[in-house]
């Protein structure tokens, strides 16, 4: 007779993963500061933090309004020049995927 051990633990882990996935279902409003972690910035740009990335941009980015006033094409050019991404949207999508994976414990 073959005895397989560890199935209870695996089942518990799968149930936990399913619960976390259910919590992520739907739309979420995630602050950029939570998406652009230092680790993400270090892996994908020449900077060590989002603050450093914003400071080096040459744009005034002190408030949400400041950021909204930056022309999209200029911001996309900046992101393309300092990162592995073609534009800001692509960068945010990658950061969101990484955020979701971390929330799932992957």
N, C-alpha and C. Protein backbone atom coordinates (compact mmCIF):
# COMPACT_ATOMS: atom_id res chain seq x y z
N UNK A 1 0.84 -1.18 0.00
CA UNK A 1 0.00 0.00 0.00
C UNK A 1 0.89 1.24 0.00
N UNK A 2 0.56 2.18 -0.84
CA UNK A 2 1.32 3.42 -0.98
C UNK A 2 0.69 4.48 -0.09
N UNK A 3 1.51 5.11 0.73
CA UNK A 3 1.02 6.15 1.63
C UNK A 3 1.63 7.49 1.20
N UNK A 4 0.75 8.45 0.93
CA UNK A 4 1.21 9.78 0.52
C UNK A 4 1.02 10.72 1.70
N UNK A 5 2.11 11.35 2.09
CA UNK A 5 2.04 12.27 3.22
C UNK A 5 2.06 13.71 2.74
N UNK A 6 1.50 14.59 3.53
CA UNK A 6 1.55 16.01 3.23
C UNK A 6 0.33 16.54 2.48
N UNK A 7 -0.64 15.68 2.17
CA UNK A 7 -1.81 16.14 1.44
C UNK A 7 -2.66 17.11 2.25
N UNK A 8 -2.75 16.89 3.55
CA UNK A 8 -3.52 17.81 4.40
C UNK A 8 -2.90 19.20 4.38
N UNK A 9 -1.59 19.25 4.46
CA UNK A 9 -0.89 20.54 4.42
C UNK A 9 -1.10 21.22 3.08
N UNK A 10 -1.00 20.44 2.01
CA UNK A 10 -1.21 20.98 0.66
C UNK A 10 -2.64 21.52 0.52
N UNK A 11 -3.60 20.77 1.02
CA UNK A 11 -5.00 21.21 0.95
C UNK A 11 -5.19 22.52 1.72
N UNK A 12 -4.57 22.64 2.88
CA UNK A 12 -4.66 23.88 3.67
C UNK A 12 -4.03 25.05 2.91
N UNK A 13 -2.89 24.80 2.27
CA UNK A 13 -2.22 25.85 1.51
C UNK A 13 -3.08 26.29 0.32
N UNK A 14 -3.70 25.33 -0.35
CA UNK A 14 -4.56 25.66 -1.49
C UNK A 14 -5.80 26.44 -1.04
N UNK A 15 -6.36 26.07 0.09
CA UNK A 15 -7.51 26.80 0.62
C UNK A 15 -7.12 28.23 0.99
N UNK A 16 -5.94 28.39 1.58
CA UNK A 16 -5.45 29.72 1.93
C UNK A 16 -5.23 30.56 0.67
N UNK A 17 -4.65 29.96 -0.36
CA UNK A 17 -4.43 30.65 -1.63
C UNK A 17 -5.77 31.06 -2.25
N UNK A 18 -6.75 30.18 -2.21
CA UNK A 18 -8.07 30.49 -2.77
C UNK A 18 -8.72 31.65 -2.01
N UNK A 19 -8.55 31.66 -0.71
CA UNK A 19 -9.11 32.75 0.10
C UNK A 19 -8.46 34.08 -0.27
N UNK A 20 -7.13 34.09 -0.39
CA UNK A 20 -6.43 35.32 -0.76
C UNK A 20 -6.80 35.78 -2.17
N UNK A 21 -6.99 34.83 -3.08
CA UNK A 21 -7.39 35.17 -4.45
C UNK A 21 -8.78 35.78 -4.46
N UNK A 22 -9.66 35.26 -3.64
CA UNK A 22 -11.02 35.80 -3.54
C UNK A 22 -10.99 37.24 -3.03
N UNK A 23 -10.10 37.52 -2.08
CA UNK A 23 -9.97 38.88 -1.55
C UNK A 23 -9.47 39.86 -2.61
N UNK A 24 -8.72 39.37 -3.59
CA UNK A 24 -8.19 40.23 -4.65
C UNK A 24 -9.17 40.40 -5.81
N UNK A 25 -10.22 39.61 -5.84
CA UNK A 25 -11.17 39.67 -6.94
C UNK A 25 -11.82 41.05 -7.01
N UNK A 26 -12.05 41.53 -8.22
CA UNK A 26 -12.69 42.83 -8.40
C UNK A 26 -11.67 43.93 -8.59
N UNK A 27 -12.16 45.15 -8.54
CA UNK A 27 -11.29 46.31 -8.72
C UNK A 27 -10.77 46.80 -7.37
N UNK A 28 -9.55 47.29 -7.39
CA UNK A 28 -8.92 47.81 -6.18
C UNK A 28 -8.28 49.15 -6.50
N UNK A 29 -8.32 50.03 -5.55
CA UNK A 29 -7.63 51.30 -5.68
C UNK A 29 -6.38 51.21 -4.81
N UNK A 30 -5.26 51.07 -5.47
CA UNK A 30 -4.00 50.85 -4.76
C UNK A 30 -3.13 52.09 -4.93
N UNK A 31 -2.68 52.68 -3.84
CA UNK A 31 -1.81 53.85 -3.96
C UNK A 31 -0.53 53.51 -4.73
N UNK A 32 -0.09 54.44 -5.55
CA UNK A 32 1.14 54.25 -6.33
C UNK A 32 2.30 53.93 -5.40
N UNK A 33 2.29 54.53 -4.22
CA UNK A 33 3.38 54.27 -3.27
C UNK A 33 3.42 52.81 -2.83
N UNK A 34 2.27 52.14 -2.84
CA UNK A 34 2.23 50.73 -2.47
C UNK A 34 2.63 49.84 -3.65
N UNK A 35 2.35 50.30 -4.86
CA UNK A 35 2.72 49.54 -6.06
C UNK A 35 4.20 49.65 -6.36
N UNK A 36 4.73 50.87 -6.29
CA UNK A 36 6.12 51.11 -6.66
C UNK A 36 7.02 50.93 -5.45
N UNK A 37 7.16 49.68 -5.04
CA UNK A 37 8.01 49.37 -3.89
C UNK A 37 9.47 49.63 -4.24
N UNK A 38 10.29 49.78 -3.23
CA UNK A 38 11.72 49.98 -3.47
C UNK A 38 12.29 48.81 -4.27
N UNK A 39 11.84 47.59 -3.95
CA UNK A 39 12.33 46.41 -4.65
C UNK A 39 11.95 46.48 -6.14
N UNK A 40 10.71 46.84 -6.42
CA UNK A 40 10.27 46.96 -7.82
C UNK A 40 11.07 48.02 -8.55
N UNK A 41 11.25 49.18 -7.91
CA UNK A 41 12.00 50.27 -8.53
C UNK A 41 13.44 49.84 -8.79
N UNK A 42 14.08 49.20 -7.82
CA UNK A 42 15.47 48.75 -7.99
C UNK A 42 15.61 47.75 -9.13
N UNK A 43 14.65 46.86 -9.26
CA UNK A 43 14.73 45.83 -10.30
C UNK A 43 14.46 46.38 -11.70
N UNK A 44 13.71 47.47 -11.79
CA UNK A 44 13.24 47.91 -13.09
C UNK A 44 13.72 49.29 -13.53
N UNK A 45 14.47 49.97 -12.67
CA UNK A 45 14.99 51.28 -13.03
C UNK A 45 16.41 51.41 -12.49
N UNK A 46 16.99 52.58 -12.70
CA UNK A 46 18.33 52.84 -12.15
C UNK A 46 18.24 53.51 -10.78
N UNK A 47 17.04 53.57 -10.21
CA UNK A 47 16.83 54.24 -8.92
C UNK A 47 16.58 53.23 -7.81
N UNK A 48 16.63 53.72 -6.58
CA UNK A 48 16.42 52.84 -5.43
C UNK A 48 15.06 53.05 -4.77
N UNK A 49 14.34 54.09 -5.18
CA UNK A 49 13.02 54.33 -4.60
C UNK A 49 12.17 55.14 -5.58
N UNK A 50 10.86 55.09 -5.37
CA UNK A 50 9.95 55.88 -6.21
C UNK A 50 10.21 57.37 -6.00
N UNK A 51 10.50 57.76 -4.76
CA UNK A 51 10.79 59.17 -4.50
C UNK A 51 11.98 59.64 -5.35
N UNK A 52 13.01 58.82 -5.41
CA UNK A 52 14.19 59.18 -6.21
C UNK A 52 13.82 59.26 -7.69
N UNK A 53 13.00 58.33 -8.16
CA UNK A 53 12.54 58.34 -9.55
C UNK A 53 11.78 59.63 -9.86
N UNK A 54 10.86 60.01 -8.97
CA UNK A 54 10.09 61.23 -9.19
C UNK A 54 10.97 62.48 -9.09
N UNK A 55 11.87 62.51 -8.11
CA UNK A 55 12.76 63.67 -7.93
C UNK A 55 13.65 63.89 -9.14
N UNK A 56 14.12 62.80 -9.74
CA UNK A 56 15.04 62.91 -10.87
C UNK A 56 14.33 63.25 -12.18
N UNK A 57 13.02 63.23 -12.17
CA UNK A 57 12.27 63.42 -13.42
C UNK A 57 12.37 64.83 -13.99
N UNK A 58 12.65 65.81 -13.13
CA UNK A 58 12.67 67.19 -13.59
C UNK A 58 11.29 67.83 -13.58
N UNK A 59 10.27 67.04 -13.26
CA UNK A 59 8.91 67.55 -13.14
C UNK A 59 8.58 67.80 -11.68
N UNK A 60 7.71 68.74 -11.43
CA UNK A 60 7.22 68.98 -10.07
C UNK A 60 6.17 67.91 -9.79
N UNK A 61 6.44 67.09 -8.77
CA UNK A 61 5.54 65.99 -8.44
C UNK A 61 5.28 65.99 -6.92
N UNK A 62 4.88 67.14 -6.41
CA UNK A 62 4.62 67.23 -4.97
C UNK A 62 3.20 66.81 -4.61
N UNK A 63 2.28 66.95 -5.54
CA UNK A 63 0.87 66.62 -5.27
C UNK A 63 0.31 65.81 -6.43
N UNK A 64 -0.86 65.24 -6.21
CA UNK A 64 -1.56 64.51 -7.26
C UNK A 64 -1.86 65.43 -8.44
N UNK A 65 -2.19 66.67 -8.13
CA UNK A 65 -2.48 67.67 -9.17
C UNK A 65 -1.23 67.95 -10.00
N UNK A 66 -0.08 68.08 -9.34
CA UNK A 66 1.18 68.28 -10.07
C UNK A 66 1.39 67.15 -11.07
N UNK A 67 1.20 65.94 -10.58
CA UNK A 67 1.42 64.77 -11.42
C UNK A 67 0.45 64.76 -12.61
N UNK A 68 -0.80 65.09 -12.35
CA UNK A 68 -1.82 65.12 -13.41
C UNK A 68 -1.49 66.16 -14.48
N UNK A 69 -0.75 67.19 -14.11
CA UNK A 69 -0.42 68.26 -15.06
C UNK A 69 0.78 67.94 -15.95
N UNK A 70 1.47 66.86 -15.70
CA UNK A 70 2.61 66.46 -16.54
C UNK A 70 2.04 65.88 -17.84
N UNK A 71 2.50 66.38 -18.99
CA UNK A 71 2.02 65.81 -20.26
C UNK A 71 2.35 64.32 -20.35
N UNK A 72 1.37 63.51 -20.72
CA UNK A 72 1.55 62.06 -20.78
C UNK A 72 2.73 61.65 -21.65
N UNK A 73 2.85 62.28 -22.82
CA UNK A 73 3.93 61.88 -23.72
C UNK A 73 5.31 62.15 -23.11
N UNK A 74 5.44 63.26 -22.41
CA UNK A 74 6.73 63.57 -21.76
C UNK A 74 7.02 62.60 -20.62
N UNK A 75 5.99 62.27 -19.85
CA UNK A 75 6.19 61.33 -18.73
C UNK A 75 6.53 59.95 -19.28
N UNK A 76 5.84 59.53 -20.34
CA UNK A 76 6.14 58.23 -20.95
C UNK A 76 7.57 58.19 -21.49
N UNK A 77 8.03 59.28 -22.09
CA UNK A 77 9.41 59.34 -22.58
C UNK A 77 10.39 59.20 -21.42
N UNK A 78 10.10 59.86 -20.32
CA UNK A 78 10.96 59.76 -19.14
C UNK A 78 11.00 58.31 -18.63
N UNK A 79 9.83 57.70 -18.48
CA UNK A 79 9.77 56.32 -17.99
C UNK A 79 10.53 55.38 -18.92
N UNK A 80 10.37 55.57 -20.23
CA UNK A 80 11.08 54.75 -21.21
C UNK A 80 12.60 54.93 -21.07
N UNK A 81 13.05 56.14 -20.74
CA UNK A 81 14.48 56.42 -20.66
C UNK A 81 15.14 55.89 -19.38
N UNK A 82 14.36 55.64 -18.35
CA UNK A 82 14.97 55.24 -17.06
C UNK A 82 14.54 53.85 -16.59
N UNK A 83 13.75 53.15 -17.42
CA UNK A 83 13.24 51.87 -16.96
C UNK A 83 13.23 50.82 -18.05
N UNK A 84 12.70 49.67 -17.71
CA UNK A 84 12.54 48.56 -18.65
C UNK A 84 11.20 48.63 -19.37
N UNK A 85 10.47 49.71 -19.23
CA UNK A 85 9.11 49.79 -19.74
C UNK A 85 8.99 50.82 -20.85
N UNK A 86 8.03 50.60 -21.73
CA UNK A 86 7.79 51.51 -22.84
C UNK A 86 7.05 52.77 -22.40
N UNK A 87 6.25 52.66 -21.33
CA UNK A 87 5.46 53.80 -20.87
C UNK A 87 5.02 53.60 -19.43
N UNK A 88 4.40 54.63 -18.88
CA UNK A 88 3.95 54.64 -17.49
C UNK A 88 2.90 53.55 -17.24
N UNK A 89 1.96 53.38 -18.16
CA UNK A 89 0.91 52.38 -17.99
C UNK A 89 1.50 50.98 -17.90
N UNK A 90 2.46 50.69 -18.76
CA UNK A 90 3.11 49.38 -18.73
C UNK A 90 3.83 49.16 -17.39
N UNK A 91 4.46 50.20 -16.88
CA UNK A 91 5.15 50.10 -15.59
C UNK A 91 4.15 49.83 -14.46
N UNK A 92 3.04 50.57 -14.47
CA UNK A 92 2.03 50.37 -13.43
C UNK A 92 1.41 48.98 -13.50
N UNK A 93 1.17 48.48 -14.70
CA UNK A 93 0.61 47.14 -14.85
C UNK A 93 1.56 46.07 -14.31
N UNK A 94 2.83 46.22 -14.58
CA UNK A 94 3.82 45.27 -14.06
C UNK A 94 3.89 45.35 -12.54
N UNK A 95 3.85 46.56 -12.02
CA UNK A 95 3.88 46.73 -10.56
C UNK A 95 2.63 46.13 -9.93
N UNK A 96 1.48 46.28 -10.58
CA UNK A 96 0.23 45.72 -10.06
C UNK A 96 0.28 44.19 -10.06
N UNK A 97 0.87 43.61 -11.09
CA UNK A 97 1.01 42.16 -11.14
C UNK A 97 1.91 41.67 -10.01
N UNK A 98 2.99 42.38 -9.76
CA UNK A 98 3.89 42.01 -8.68
C UNK A 98 3.19 42.17 -7.33
N UNK A 99 2.42 43.24 -7.18
CA UNK A 99 1.67 43.48 -5.94
C UNK A 99 0.69 42.34 -5.70
N UNK A 100 -0.05 41.95 -6.73
CA UNK A 100 -1.04 40.87 -6.60
C UNK A 100 -0.35 39.55 -6.24
N UNK A 101 0.76 39.27 -6.89
CA UNK A 101 1.49 38.04 -6.59
C UNK A 101 1.95 38.02 -5.13
N UNK A 102 2.40 39.15 -4.64
CA UNK A 102 2.84 39.20 -3.23
C UNK A 102 1.66 39.02 -2.28
N UNK A 103 0.50 39.55 -2.64
CA UNK A 103 -0.69 39.39 -1.81
C UNK A 103 -1.15 37.93 -1.80
N UNK A 104 -0.89 37.22 -2.90
CA UNK A 104 -1.24 35.80 -2.99
C UNK A 104 -0.18 34.92 -2.31
N UNK A 105 0.94 35.52 -1.97
CA UNK A 105 2.01 34.75 -1.33
C UNK A 105 2.84 33.96 -2.32
N UNK A 106 2.87 34.41 -3.56
CA UNK A 106 3.62 33.69 -4.60
C UNK A 106 5.02 34.27 -4.76
